[in-house]
Amino acid sequence: MRWLPAFLSLACLTGGAFGAKKTAEERFNRFFSKSLSSGAPIKLDDASYKELTVAPRNYSALVLLTALEARFGCQLCREFQPEFDLLTRSWVKGDKSGDSKLVFSVLDFSDGRNTFLELGLQTAPVLLLFQPTVGPYASTSPEPIRYDFTNGPQSAEQVHHWLARHTPDRPHPPVKRPINWLRWISAVIMISGAFTAAFVAWPYIFPFIRSRNPWAAVSLILILLFTSGHMFNHIRKVPYVASNNRGGISYFAGGFQNQFGMETQIVAAIYGVLSFATICLVVKVPRIKDRNSQQVAVIAWSGVIFFVYSFLLSIFRIKNGGYPFSLPPFM
């Protein structure tokens, strides 16, 4: 009869193991049924939180610890709650059979003050993922995985990606956002209004589009803008102006590999004046009928070109002291 105590001990151990496994399965079925019927995360209190997260578990439990009451002033909690509800609704609807073995729940501070104190939580929201301790998805670590909210409010898609990374080899139903009918209606109205306005204004816009002068003006402005160093300023993030170490302001940087934002605008204005003066000499002056007026215009525009080009050469000498060319009056 010596084998009888050993047999009884083995039977107790085996029965205990099957009893624990059955209890975990029953807990999962009960919590998952609640979530499936409501389509929302299960609202917990201190007792149900312990029941959901106690080991052994053959399922995962995602618990959002939050503080939604206005007296706590948790703006992040109120912003994330709709995203968590959307994630729960999408996941439960896509996994009605419970194959992912995941339960979504939420514990508010007003319902679980003791749990917050036991966990030593000073801030909210906190999202914890309790992994299974038994079964095919069992984790080696009993500690829950905490989601990071340091970057501000998180979307349902971001949490879904985090869940999928920590629950491999399981179904991951996608997040399905409801159709924003107001946005669609607004977009249709705006597009219809734009087409209507374009149709009405087309007889007035079409001659302008076909005209060479607007395209020439736009092309000239773009050429002057980019040849003056506009892209250089955006790439190098140069300062607008700088101090000259004598209590004044320096508008031009020394060297051809350096420049200021104000310098670019001055050079673009100089190029613009030179271009406009040249165009007037080539296009406008020959159309003047009176010879005396034509001669005065030639002298005037030539003087403008000479004066402005002299100033441009002086800027070149500021950029590079060894530049050999100059014109009066800026010698």
C-alpha atoms as a PDB file:
ATOM      1  CA  MET A   1       0.000   0.000   0.000  1.00  0.00           C
ATOM      2  CA  ARG A   2       3.025   2.306  -0.163  1.00  0.00           C
ATOM      3  CA  TRP A   3       2.043   3.406  -3.629  1.00  0.00           C
ATOM      4  CA  LEU A   4      -1.294   4.822  -2.423  1.00  0.00           C
ATOM      5  CA  PRO A   5       0.075   8.125  -0.911  1.00  0.00           C
ATOM      6  CA  ALA A   6       2.166   8.777  -4.021  1.00  0.00           C
ATOM      7  CA  PHE A   7      -0.834   8.114  -6.253  1.00  0.00           C
ATOM      8  CA  LEU A   8      -3.024  10.464  -4.206  1.00  0.00           C
ATOM      9  CA  SER A   9      -0.386  13.232  -4.319  1.00  0.00           C
ATOM     10  CA  LEU A  10      -0.040  12.896  -8.096  1.00  0.00           C
ATOM     11  CA  ALA A  11      -3.811  12.965  -8.526  1.00  0.00           C
ATOM     12  CA  CYS A  12      -4.073  16.118  -6.412  1.00  0.00           C
ATOM     13  CA  LEU A  13      -1.351  17.873  -8.410  1.00  0.00           C
ATOM     14  CA  THR A  14      -2.920  16.873 -11.728  1.00  0.00           C
ATOM     15  CA  GLY A  15      -6.391  17.846 -10.614  1.00  0.00           C
ATOM     16  CA  GLY A  16      -5.071  21.174  -9.298  1.00  0.00           C
ATOM     17  CA  ALA A  17      -3.377  21.928 -12.605  1.00  0.00           C
ATOM     18  CA  PHE A  18      -6.505  21.144 -14.597  1.00  0.00           C
ATOM     19  CA  GLY A  19      -8.596  23.151 -12.126  1.00  0.00           C
ATOM     20  CA  ALA A  20      -6.330  26.211 -12.454  1.00  0.00           C
ATOM     21  CA  LYS A  21      -6.359  25.973 -16.238  1.00  0.00           C
ATOM     22  CA  LYS A  22     -10.130  25.700 -16.257  1.00  0.00           C
ATOM     23  CA  THR A  23     -10.450  28.680 -13.899  1.00  0.00           C
ATOM     24  CA  ALA A  24      -8.258  30.850 -16.178  1.00  0.00           C
ATOM     25  CA  GLU A  25     -10.287  29.791 -19.219  1.00  0.00           C
ATOM     26  CA  GLU A  26     -13.521  30.579 -17.410  1.00  0.00           C
ATOM     27  CA  ARG A  27     -12.229  34.022 -16.424  1.00  0.00           C
ATOM     28  CA  PHE A  28     -11.263  34.778 -19.999  1.00  0.00           C
ATOM     29  CA  ASN A  29     -14.623  33.617 -21.351  1.00  0.00           C
ATOM     30  CA  ARG A  30     -16.502  35.727 -18.807  1.00  0.00           C
ATOM     31  CA  PHE A  31     -14.500  38.917 -19.407  1.00  0.00           C
ATOM     32  CA  PHE A  32     -14.416  38.456 -23.160  1.00  0.00           C
ATOM     33  CA  SER A  33     -18.186  37.888 -23.275  1.00  0.00           C
ATOM     34  CA  LYS A  34     -18.708  41.204 -21.482  1.00  0.00           C
ATOM     35  CA  SER A  35     -16.462  43.005 -23.926  1.00  0.00           C
ATOM     36  CA  LEU A  36     -18.096  41.300 -26.911  1.00  0.00           C
ATOM     37  CA  SER A  37     -21.616  42.202 -25.802  1.00  0.00           C
ATOM     38  CA  SER A  38     -20.820  45.853 -25.057  1.00  0.00           C
ATOM     39  CA  GLY A  39     -18.257  46.477 -27.806  1.00  0.00           C
ATOM     40  CA  ALA A  40     -16.271  48.589 -25.332  1.00  0.00           C
ATOM     41  CA  PRO A  41     -13.444  48.022 -22.845  1.00  0.00           C
ATOM     42  CA  ILE A  42     -14.529  46.410 -19.585  1.00  0.00           C
ATOM     43  CA  LYS A  43     -14.802  48.854 -16.675  1.00  0.00           C
ATOM     44  CA  LEU A  44     -12.874  47.512 -13.722  1.00  0.00           C
ATOM     45  CA  ASP A  45     -12.620  48.199 -10.014  1.00  0.00           C
ATOM     46  CA  ASP A  46     -10.024  47.041  -7.521  1.00  0.00           C
ATOM     47  CA  ALA A  47     -11.532  43.554  -7.159  1.00  0.00           C
ATOM     48  CA  SER A  48     -12.135  42.874 -10.851  1.00  0.00           C
ATOM     49  CA  TYR A  49      -8.656  44.225 -11.695  1.00  0.00           C
ATOM     50  CA  LYS A  50      -7.077  41.624  -9.420  1.00  0.00           C
ATOM     51  CA  GLU A  51      -9.352  38.913 -10.806  1.00  0.00           C
ATOM     52  CA  LEU A  52      -8.422  39.814 -14.385  1.00  0.00           C
ATOM     53  CA  THR A  53      -4.660  40.072 -13.853  1.00  0.00           C
ATOM     54  CA  VAL A  54      -4.107  37.291 -11.312  1.00  0.00           C
ATOM     55  CA  ALA A  55      -1.940  34.339 -12.362  1.00  0.00           C
ATOM     56  CA  PRO A  56      -2.245  31.815 -13.843  1.00  0.00           C
ATOM     57  CA  ARG A  57      -3.493  33.415 -17.096  1.00  0.00           C
ATOM     58  CA  ASN A  58      -3.832  31.750 -20.455  1.00  0.00           C
ATOM     59  CA  TYR A  59      -4.795  35.099 -22.033  1.00  0.00           C
ATOM     60  CA  SER A  60      -3.455  38.632 -22.366  1.00  0.00           C
ATOM     61  CA  ALA A  61      -5.061  41.546 -20.529  1.00  0.00           C
ATOM     62  CA  LEU A  62      -4.693  45.136 -21.725  1.00  0.00           C
ATOM     63  CA  VAL A  63      -5.523  47.518 -18.879  1.00  0.00           C
ATOM     64  CA  LEU A  64      -5.793  51.295 -19.272  1.00  0.00           C
ATOM     65  CA  LEU A  65      -5.377  53.063 -15.943  1.00  0.00           C
ATOM     66  CA  THR A  66      -6.829  56.521 -16.360  1.00  0.00           C
ATOM     67  CA  ALA A  67      -8.361  59.494 -14.545  1.00  0.00           C
ATOM     68  CA  LEU A  68     -11.261  60.905 -16.551  1.00  0.00           C
ATOM     69  CA  GLU A  69     -12.964  63.070 -13.925  1.00  0.00           C
ATOM     70  CA  ALA A  70     -12.589  66.803 -14.488  1.00  0.00           C
ATOM     71  CA  ARG A  71     -11.205  67.391 -10.980  1.00  0.00           C
ATOM     72  CA  PHE A  72      -8.031  65.484 -11.898  1.00  0.00           C
ATOM     73  CA  GLY A  73      -7.356  67.689 -14.937  1.00  0.00           C
ATOM     74  CA  CYS A  74      -5.922  64.857 -17.056  1.00  0.00           C
ATOM     75  CA  GLN A  75      -6.289  66.220 -20.572  1.00  0.00           C
ATOM     76  CA  LEU A  76      -4.226  63.366 -22.035  1.00  0.00           C
ATOM     77  CA  CYS A  77      -6.620  60.855 -20.455  1.00  0.00           C
ATOM     78  CA  ARG A  78      -9.649  62.464 -22.089  1.00  0.00           C
ATOM     79  CA  GLU A  79      -7.893  62.703 -25.470  1.00  0.00           C
ATOM     80  CA  PHE A  80      -6.754  59.066 -25.491  1.00  0.00           C
ATOM     81  CA  GLN A  81      -9.985  57.474 -24.215  1.00  0.00           C
ATOM     82  CA  PRO A  82     -11.866  57.735 -27.583  1.00  0.00           C
ATOM     83  CA  GLU A  83      -8.866  56.194 -29.362  1.00  0.00           C
ATOM     84  CA  PHE A  84      -8.777  53.317 -26.869  1.00  0.00           C
ATOM     85  CA  ASP A  85     -12.528  52.770 -27.288  1.00  0.00           C
ATOM     86  CA  LEU A  86     -12.070  52.720 -31.077  1.00  0.00           C
ATOM     87  CA  LEU A  87      -9.230  50.203 -30.815  1.00  0.00           C
ATOM     88  CA  THR A  88     -11.310  47.960 -28.532  1.00  0.00           C
ATOM     89  CA  ARG A  89     -14.365  48.153 -30.766  1.00  0.00           C
ATOM     90  CA  SER A  90     -12.365  47.347 -33.911  1.00  0.00           C
ATOM     91  CA  TRP A  91     -10.451  44.490 -32.273  1.00  0.00           C
ATOM     92  CA  VAL A  92     -13.480  42.829 -30.673  1.00  0.00           C
ATOM     93  CA  LYS A  93     -15.545  43.142 -33.856  1.00  0.00           C
ATOM     94  CA  GLY A  94     -12.738  41.551 -35.897  1.00  0.00           C
ATOM     95  CA  ASP A  95     -12.069  38.771 -33.367  1.00  0.00           C
ATOM     96  CA  LYS A  96     -15.501  37.640 -32.199  1.00  0.00           C
ATOM     97  CA  SER A  97     -14.269  34.122 -31.527  1.00  0.00           C
ATOM     98  CA  GLY A  98     -11.544  35.338 -29.139  1.00  0.00           C
ATOM     99  CA  ASP A  99      -8.675  33.692 -31.016  1.00  0.00           C
ATOM    100  CA  SER A 100      -6.282  36.505 -30.073  1.00  0.00           C
ATOM    101  CA  LYS A 101      -6.812  35.762 -26.357  1.00  0.00           C
ATOM    102  CA  LEU A 102      -6.819  39.480 -25.505  1.00  0.00           C
ATOM    103  CA  VAL A 103      -9.119  41.316 -23.098  1.00  0.00           C
ATOM    104  CA  PHE A 104      -9.465  45.115 -23.216  1.00  0.00           C
ATOM    105  CA  SER A 105     -10.258  46.874 -19.954  1.00  0.00           C
ATOM    106  CA  VAL A 106     -10.090  50.273 -18.271  1.00  0.00           C
ATOM    107  CA  LEU A 107      -9.637  51.172 -14.612  1.00  0.00           C
ATOM    108  CA  ASP A 108     -10.471  54.738 -13.612  1.00  0.00           C
ATOM    109  CA  PHE A 109      -8.804  56.272 -10.567  1.00  0.00           C
ATOM    110  CA  SER A 110     -12.160  56.889  -8.919  1.00  0.00           C
ATOM    111  CA  ASP A 111     -12.928  53.141  -9.112  1.00  0.00           C
ATOM    112  CA  GLY A 112      -9.455  51.776  -8.374  1.00  0.00           C
ATOM    113  CA  ARG A 113      -7.691  54.104  -5.955  1.00  0.00           C
ATOM    114  CA  ASN A 114      -6.102  51.192  -4.063  1.00  0.00           C
ATOM    115  CA  THR A 115      -4.734  49.696  -7.270  1.00  0.00           C
ATOM    116  CA  PHE A 116      -3.113  53.020  -8.219  1.00  0.00           C
ATOM    117  CA  LEU A 117      -1.519  53.173  -4.761  1.00  0.00           C
ATOM    118  CA  GLU A 118      -0.277  49.580  -4.945  1.00  0.00           C
ATOM    119  CA  LEU A 119       1.297  50.218  -8.354  1.00  0.00           C
ATOM    120  CA  GLY A 120       2.833  53.489  -7.140  1.00  0.00           C
ATOM    121  CA  LEU A 121       1.372  55.467 -10.038  1.00  0.00           C
ATOM    122  CA  GLN A 122       1.704  59.258  -9.895  1.00  0.00           C
ATOM    123  CA  THR A 123       0.529  60.049 -13.436  1.00  0.00           C
ATOM    124  CA  ALA A 124      -2.099  58.906 -15.919  1.00  0.00           C
ATOM    125  CA  PRO A 125      -2.858  57.452 -18.356  1.00  0.00           C
ATOM    126  CA  VAL A 126      -0.894  54.230 -17.986  1.00  0.00           C
ATOM    127  CA  LEU A 127      -1.401  51.323 -20.382  1.00  0.00           C
ATOM    128  CA  LEU A 128      -0.304  47.874 -19.170  1.00  0.00           C
ATOM    129  CA  LEU A 129      -0.218  44.647 -21.154  1.00  0.00           C
ATOM    130  CA  PHE A 130      -0.298  41.507 -18.991  1.00  0.00           C
ATOM    131  CA  GLN A 131       0.986  38.552 -20.975  1.00  0.00           C
ATOM    132  CA  PRO A 132      -0.170  34.935 -20.436  1.00  0.00           C
ATOM    133  CA  THR A 133       1.647  32.922 -17.775  1.00  0.00           C
ATOM    134  CA  VAL A 134       0.481  29.536 -19.057  1.00  0.00           C
ATOM    135  CA  GLY A 135      -0.530  28.117 -22.390  1.00  0.00           C
ATOM    136  CA  PRO A 136       0.923  28.427 -25.905  1.00  0.00           C
ATOM    137  CA  TYR A 137       1.422  32.197 -25.644  1.00  0.00           C
ATOM    138  CA  ALA A 138       3.015  32.163 -22.204  1.00  0.00           C
ATOM    139  CA  SER A 139       5.660  34.812 -21.550  1.00  0.00           C
ATOM    140  CA  THR A 140       8.919  34.277 -19.738  1.00  0.00           C
ATOM    141  CA  SER A 141       8.465  37.460 -17.680  1.00  0.00           C
ATOM    142  CA  PRO A 142       5.500  37.872 -15.311  1.00  0.00           C
ATOM    143  CA  GLU A 143       5.842  41.670 -15.305  1.00  0.00           C
ATOM    144  CA  PRO A 144       3.396  43.674 -17.447  1.00  0.00           C
ATOM    145  CA  ILE A 145       4.618  45.649 -20.461  1.00  0.00           C
ATOM    146  CA  ARG A 146       4.037  49.405 -20.157  1.00  0.00           C
ATOM    147  CA  TYR A 147       3.154  51.634 -23.094  1.00  0.00           C
ATOM    148  CA  ASP A 148       5.018  54.933 -23.394  1.00  0.00           C
ATOM    149  CA  PHE A 149       2.956  58.165 -23.485  1.00  0.00           C
ATOM    150  CA  THR A 150       5.944  60.541 -23.376  1.00  0.00           C
ATOM    151  CA  ASN A 151       5.234  61.774 -26.934  1.00  0.00           C
ATOM    152  CA  GLY A 152       1.759  63.042 -26.083  1.00  0.00           C
ATOM    153  CA  PRO A 153      -1.623  61.703 -27.228  1.00  0.00           C
ATOM    154  CA  GLN A 154      -1.417  58.416 -29.107  1.00  0.00           C
ATOM    155  CA  SER A 155      -3.705  57.168 -31.855  1.00  0.00           C
ATOM    156  CA  ALA A 156      -5.458  53.824 -32.010  1.00  0.00           C
ATOM    157  CA  GLU A 157      -3.222  52.820 -34.929  1.00  0.00           C
ATOM    158  CA  GLN A 158      -0.060  53.438 -32.883  1.00  0.00           C
ATOM    159  CA  VAL A 159      -1.290  51.313 -29.971  1.00  0.00           C
ATOM    160  CA  HIS A 160      -2.431  48.636 -32.436  1.00  0.00           C
ATOM    161  CA  HIS A 161       1.078  48.481 -33.909  1.00  0.00           C
ATOM    162  CA  TRP A 162       2.517  48.162 -30.396  1.00  0.00           C
ATOM    163  CA  LEU A 163       0.067  45.381 -29.534  1.00  0.00           C
ATOM    164  CA  ALA A 164       0.842  43.474 -32.728  1.00  0.00           C
ATOM    165  CA  ARG A 165       4.551  43.649 -31.941  1.00  0.00           C
ATOM    166  CA  HIS A 166       4.053  42.190 -28.447  1.00  0.00           C
ATOM    167  CA  THR A 167       1.461  39.574 -29.419  1.00  0.00           C
ATOM    168  CA  PRO A 168       2.994  37.711 -32.372  1.00  0.00           C
ATOM    169  CA  ASP A 169       1.461  34.578 -33.890  1.00  0.00           C
ATOM    170  CA  ARG A 170      -2.056  35.805 -33.076  1.00  0.00           C
ATOM    171  CA  PRO A 171      -4.819  37.543 -35.072  1.00  0.00           C
ATOM    172  CA  HIS A 172      -4.516  41.337 -35.193  1.00  0.00           C
ATOM    173  CA  PRO A 173      -7.822  42.820 -36.423  1.00  0.00           C
ATOM    174  CA  PRO A 174      -7.203  46.202 -38.086  1.00  0.00           C
ATOM    175  CA  VAL A 175      -8.462  49.511 -36.739  1.00  0.00           C
ATOM    176  CA  LYS A 176     -11.552  50.643 -38.634  1.00  0.00           C
ATOM    177  CA  ARG A 177     -12.513  54.261 -38.140  1.00  0.00           C
ATOM    178  CA  PRO A 178     -16.126  55.304 -38.759  1.00  0.00           C
ATOM    179  CA  ILE A 179     -16.820  57.319 -41.891  1.00  0.00           C
ATOM    180  CA  ASN A 180     -16.629  61.046 -41.249  1.00  0.00           C
ATOM    181  CA  TRP A 181     -19.686  62.085 -43.244  1.00  0.00           C
ATOM    182  CA  LEU A 182     -19.301  65.756 -42.325  1.00  0.00           C
ATOM    183  CA  ARG A 183     -15.799  65.837 -43.807  1.00  0.00           C
ATOM    184  CA  TRP A 184     -16.945  64.090 -46.978  1.00  0.00           C
ATOM    185  CA  ILE A 185     -19.915  66.442 -47.420  1.00  0.00           C
ATOM    186  CA  SER A 186     -17.716  69.481 -46.794  1.00  0.00           C
ATOM    187  CA  ALA A 187     -15.155  68.241 -49.325  1.00  0.00           C
ATOM    188  CA  VAL A 188     -17.839  67.646 -51.978  1.00  0.00           C
ATOM    189  CA  ILE A 189     -19.313  71.113 -51.409  1.00  0.00           C
ATOM    190  CA  MET A 190     -15.886  72.764 -51.583  1.00  0.00           C
ATOM    191  CA  ILE A 191     -14.909  70.905 -54.774  1.00  0.00           C
ATOM    192  CA  SER A 192     -18.267  71.720 -56.395  1.00  0.00           C
ATOM    193  CA  GLY A 193     -17.879  75.368 -55.420  1.00  0.00           C
ATOM    194  CA  ALA A 194     -14.343  75.461 -56.837  1.00  0.00           C
ATOM    195  CA  PHE A 195     -15.499  73.978 -60.157  1.00  0.00           C
ATOM    196  CA  THR A 196     -18.402  76.429 -60.316  1.00  0.00           C
ATOM    197  CA  ALA A 197     -16.146  79.410 -59.611  1.00  0.00           C
ATOM    198  CA  ALA A 198     -13.630  78.209 -62.201  1.00  0.00           C
ATOM    199  CA  PHE A 199     -16.380  77.764 -64.801  1.00  0.00           C
ATOM    200  CA  VAL A 200     -17.750  81.274 -64.193  1.00  0.00           C
ATOM    201  CA  ALA A 201     -14.319  82.952 -64.094  1.00  0.00           C
ATOM    202  CA  TRP A 202     -12.842  80.986 -67.013  1.00  0.00           C
ATOM    203  CA  PRO A 203     -13.657  83.632 -69.685  1.00  0.00           C
ATOM    204  CA  TYR A 204     -11.679  86.153 -67.624  1.00  0.00           C
ATOM    205  CA  ILE A 205      -8.874  83.811 -66.551  1.00  0.00           C
ATOM    206  CA  PHE A 206      -8.171  82.235 -69.934  1.00  0.00           C
ATOM    207  CA  PRO A 207      -6.865  85.436 -71.618  1.00  0.00           C
ATOM    208  CA  PHE A 208      -4.607  86.035 -68.617  1.00  0.00           C
ATOM    209  CA  ILE A 209      -3.218  82.491 -68.827  1.00  0.00           C
ATOM    210  CA  ARG A 210      -2.525  82.838 -72.542  1.00  0.00           C
ATOM    211  CA  SER A 211      -0.739  86.172 -72.107  1.00  0.00           C
ATOM    212  CA  ARG A 212       3.040  86.078 -72.245  1.00  0.00           C
ATOM    213  CA  ASN A 213       3.591  88.962 -69.820  1.00  0.00           C
ATOM    214  CA  PRO A 214       2.389  87.212 -66.606  1.00  0.00           C
ATOM    215  CA  TRP A 215       4.457  84.107 -67.395  1.00  0.00           C
ATOM    216  CA  ALA A 216       7.476  86.250 -68.198  1.00  0.00           C
ATOM    217  CA  ALA A 217       7.080  88.151 -64.918  1.00  0.00           C
ATOM    218  CA  VAL A 218       6.733  84.964 -62.866  1.00  0.00           C
ATOM    219  CA  SER A 219       9.723  83.380 -64.609  1.00  0.00           C
ATOM    220  CA  LEU A 220      11.840  86.478 -64.049  1.00  0.00           C
ATOM    221  CA  ILE A 221      10.929  86.646 -60.365  1.00  0.00           C
ATOM    222  CA  LEU A 222      11.810  82.968 -59.865  1.00  0.00           C
ATOM    223  CA  ILE A 223      15.105  83.356 -61.721  1.00  0.00           C
ATOM    224  CA  LEU A 224      16.089  86.377 -59.637  1.00  0.00           C
ATOM    225  CA  LEU A 225      15.010  84.613 -56.431  1.00  0.00           C
ATOM    226  CA  PHE A 226      17.046  81.472 -56.966  1.00  0.00           C
ATOM    227  CA  THR A 227      20.129  83.073 -58.530  1.00  0.00           C
ATOM    228  CA  SER A 228      20.402  85.368 -55.518  1.00  0.00           C
ATOM    229  CA  GLY A 229      20.845  82.397 -53.146  1.00  0.00           C
ATOM    230  CA  HIS A 230      17.360  81.700 -51.767  1.00  0.00           C
ATOM    231  CA  MET A 231      17.839  77.910 -51.674  1.00  0.00           C
ATOM    232  CA  PHE A 232      21.251  78.327 -50.048  1.00  0.00           C
ATOM    233  CA  ASN A 233      19.559  80.094 -47.141  1.00  0.00           C
ATOM    234  CA  HIS A 234      17.033  77.277 -46.665  1.00  0.00           C
ATOM    235  CA  ILE A 235      19.667  74.539 -46.851  1.00  0.00           C
ATOM    236  CA  ARG A 236      22.245  76.192 -44.577  1.00  0.00           C
ATOM    237  CA  LYS A 237      19.718  77.926 -42.251  1.00  0.00           C
ATOM    238  CA  VAL A 238      21.727  81.162 -42.367  1.00  0.00           C
ATOM    239  CA  PRO A 239      20.973  84.133 -40.050  1.00  0.00           C
ATOM    240  CA  TYR A 240      19.084  87.122 -41.406  1.00  0.00           C
ATOM    241  CA  VAL A 241      21.746  89.680 -40.339  1.00  0.00           C
ATOM    242  CA  ALA A 242      24.724  89.655 -37.970  1.00  0.00           C
ATOM    243  CA  SER A 243      26.631  92.028 -35.715  1.00  0.00           C
ATOM    244  CA  ASN A 244      29.781  93.663 -37.090  1.00  0.00           C
ATOM    245  CA  ASN A 245      31.404  93.659 -33.600  1.00  0.00           C
ATOM    246  CA  ARG A 246      31.377  97.478 -33.596  1.00  0.00           C
ATOM    247  CA  GLY A 247      27.845  97.998 -32.358  1.00  0.00           C
ATOM    248  CA  GLY A 248      26.369  97.932 -35.855  1.00  0.00           C
ATOM    249  CA  ILE A 249      24.734  95.449 -38.207  1.00  0.00           C
ATOM    250  CA  SER A 250      26.450  93.590 -41.030  1.00  0.00           C
ATOM    251  CA  TYR A 251      24.258  92.885 -44.040  1.00  0.00           C
ATOM    252  CA  PHE A 252      26.877  91.059 -46.107  1.00  0.00           C
ATOM    253  CA  ALA A 253      28.921  88.026 -45.026  1.00  0.00           C
ATOM    254  CA  GLY A 254      32.543  87.778 -46.073  1.00  0.00           C
ATOM    255  CA  GLY A 255      33.489  84.995 -48.470  1.00  0.00           C
ATOM    256  CA  PHE A 256      31.597  83.445 -51.350  1.00  0.00           C
ATOM    257  CA  GLN A 257      30.593  80.448 -49.224  1.00  0.00           C
ATOM    258  CA  ASN A 258      28.737  82.565 -46.648  1.00  0.00           C
ATOM    259  CA  GLN A 259      25.758  84.873 -46.844  1.00  0.00           C
ATOM    260  CA  PHE A 260      22.917  86.364 -44.779  1.00  0.00           C
ATOM    261  CA  GLY A 261      19.200  86.389 -45.469  1.00  0.00           C
ATOM    262  CA  MET A 262      19.134  90.175 -45.873  1.00  0.00           C
ATOM    263  CA  GLU A 263      22.032  89.927 -48.295  1.00  0.00           C
ATOM    264  CA  THR A 264      19.990  87.643 -50.553  1.00  0.00           C
ATOM    265  CA  GLN A 265      17.120  90.132 -50.665  1.00  0.00           C
ATOM    266  CA  ILE A 266      19.429  93.055 -51.479  1.00  0.00           C
ATOM    267  CA  VAL A 267      21.156  91.128 -54.279  1.00  0.00           C
ATOM    268  CA  ALA A 268      17.779  90.012 -55.689  1.00  0.00           C
ATOM    269  CA  ALA A 269      16.588  93.640 -55.685  1.00  0.00           C
ATOM    270  CA  ILE A 270      19.766  94.741 -57.500  1.00  0.00           C
ATOM    271  CA  TYR A 271      19.322  92.022 -60.129  1.00  0.00           C
ATOM    272  CA  GLY A 272      15.689  93.070 -60.502  1.00  0.00           C
ATOM    273  CA  VAL A 273      16.565  96.721 -61.084  1.00  0.00           C
ATOM    274  CA  LEU A 274      19.257  95.781 -63.619  1.00  0.00           C
ATOM    275  CA  SER A 275      16.847  93.448 -65.442  1.00  0.00           C
ATOM    276  CA  PHE A 276      14.066  96.037 -65.518  1.00  0.00           C
ATOM    277  CA  ALA A 277      16.413  98.732 -66.796  1.00  0.00           C
ATOM    278  CA  THR A 278      17.761  96.450 -69.522  1.00  0.00           C
ATOM    279  CA  ILE A 279      14.243  95.456 -70.620  1.00  0.00           C
ATOM    280  CA  CYS A 280      13.249  99.131 -70.814  1.00  0.00           C
ATOM    281  CA  LEU A 281      16.295  99.922 -72.962  1.00  0.00           C
ATOM    282  CA  VAL A 282      15.616  97.016 -75.317  1.00  0.00           C
ATOM    283  CA  VAL A 283      11.813  97.099 -75.500  1.00  0.00           C
ATOM    284  CA  LYS A 284      10.389 100.419 -74.341  1.00  0.00           C
ATOM    285  CA  VAL A 285      12.928 103.014 -75.505  1.00  0.00           C
ATOM    286  CA  PRO A 286      12.852 102.043 -79.240  1.00  0.00           C
ATOM    287  CA  ARG A 287       9.082 102.638 -79.228  1.00  0.00           C
ATOM    288  CA  ILE A 288       9.429 106.282 -78.183  1.00  0.00           C
ATOM    289  CA  LYS A 289       8.573 108.472 -81.214  1.00  0.00           C
ATOM    290  CA  ASP A 290      10.217 111.721 -80.100  1.00  0.00           C
ATOM    291  CA  ARG A 291      13.999 111.606 -80.638  1.00  0.00           C
ATOM    292  CA  ASN A 292      14.795 113.976 -77.755  1.00  0.00           C
ATOM    293  CA  SER A 293      12.663 111.985 -75.319  1.00  0.00           C
ATOM    294  CA  GLN A 294      14.226 108.791 -76.611  1.00  0.00           C
ATOM    295  CA  GLN A 295      17.725 110.173 -76.043  1.00  0.00           C
ATOM    296  CA  VAL A 296      16.868 111.261 -72.507  1.00  0.00           C
ATOM    297  CA  ALA A 297      15.428 107.789 -71.770  1.00  0.00           C
ATOM    298  CA  VAL A 298      18.574 106.102 -73.091  1.00  0.00           C
ATOM    299  CA  ILE A 299      20.797 108.294 -70.906  1.00  0.00           C
ATOM    300  CA  ALA A 300      18.567 107.805 -67.855  1.00  0.00           C
ATOM    301  CA  TRP A 301      18.309 104.020 -68.060  1.00  0.00           C
ATOM    302  CA  SER A 302      21.989 103.696 -68.908  1.00  0.00           C
ATOM    303  CA  GLY A 303      22.790 105.806 -65.847  1.00  0.00           C
ATOM    304  CA  VAL A 304      20.632 103.540 -63.688  1.00  0.00           C
ATOM    305  CA  ILE A 305      22.439 100.455 -64.988  1.00  0.00           C
ATOM    306  CA  PHE A 306      25.853 102.083 -64.470  1.00  0.00           C
ATOM    307  CA  PHE A 307      25.044 103.248 -60.922  1.00  0.00           C
ATOM    308  CA  VAL A 308      23.447  99.961 -59.757  1.00  0.00           C
ATOM    309  CA  TYR A 309      26.147  97.834 -61.387  1.00  0.00           C
ATOM    310  CA  SER A 310      28.771  99.917 -59.597  1.00  0.00           C
ATOM    311  CA  PHE A 311      27.053  99.114 -56.302  1.00  0.00           C
ATOM    312  CA  LEU A 312      26.962  95.395 -57.236  1.00  0.00           C
ATOM    313  CA  LEU A 313      30.718  95.408 -57.865  1.00  0.00           C
ATOM    314  CA  SER A 314      31.282  96.995 -54.463  1.00  0.00           C
ATOM    315  CA  ILE A 315      29.341  94.091 -52.882  1.00  0.00           C
ATOM    316  CA  PHE A 316      31.622  91.663 -54.707  1.00  0.00           C
ATOM    317  CA  ARG A 317      34.614  93.416 -53.100  1.00  0.00           C
ATOM    318  CA  ILE A 318      32.969  93.060 -49.667  1.00  0.00           C
ATOM    319  CA  LYS A 319      32.569  89.343 -50.299  1.00  0.00           C
ATOM    320  CA  ASN A 320      36.147  89.026 -51.551  1.00  0.00           C
ATOM    321  CA  GLY A 321      38.684  91.744 -50.816  1.00  0.00           C
ATOM    322  CA  GLY A 322      40.847  90.663 -53.752  1.00  0.00           C
ATOM    323  CA  TYR A 323      38.169  91.379 -56.376  1.00  0.00           C
ATOM    324  CA  PRO A 324      39.956  93.710 -58.872  1.00  0.00           C
ATOM    325  CA  PHE A 325      37.081  95.453 -60.656  1.00  0.00           C
ATOM    326  CA  SER A 326      35.173  98.575 -59.629  1.00  0.00           C
ATOM    327  CA  LEU A 327      33.231 101.474 -61.108  1.00  0.00           C
ATOM    328  CA  PRO A 328      32.513 104.982 -59.791  1.00  0.00           C
ATOM    329  CA  PRO A 329      30.885 106.167 -57.611  1.00  0.00           C
ATOM    330  CA  PHE A 330      31.310 102.994 -55.475  1.00  0.00           C
ATOM    331  CA  MET A 331      35.068 102.591 -55.785  1.00  0.00           C
END
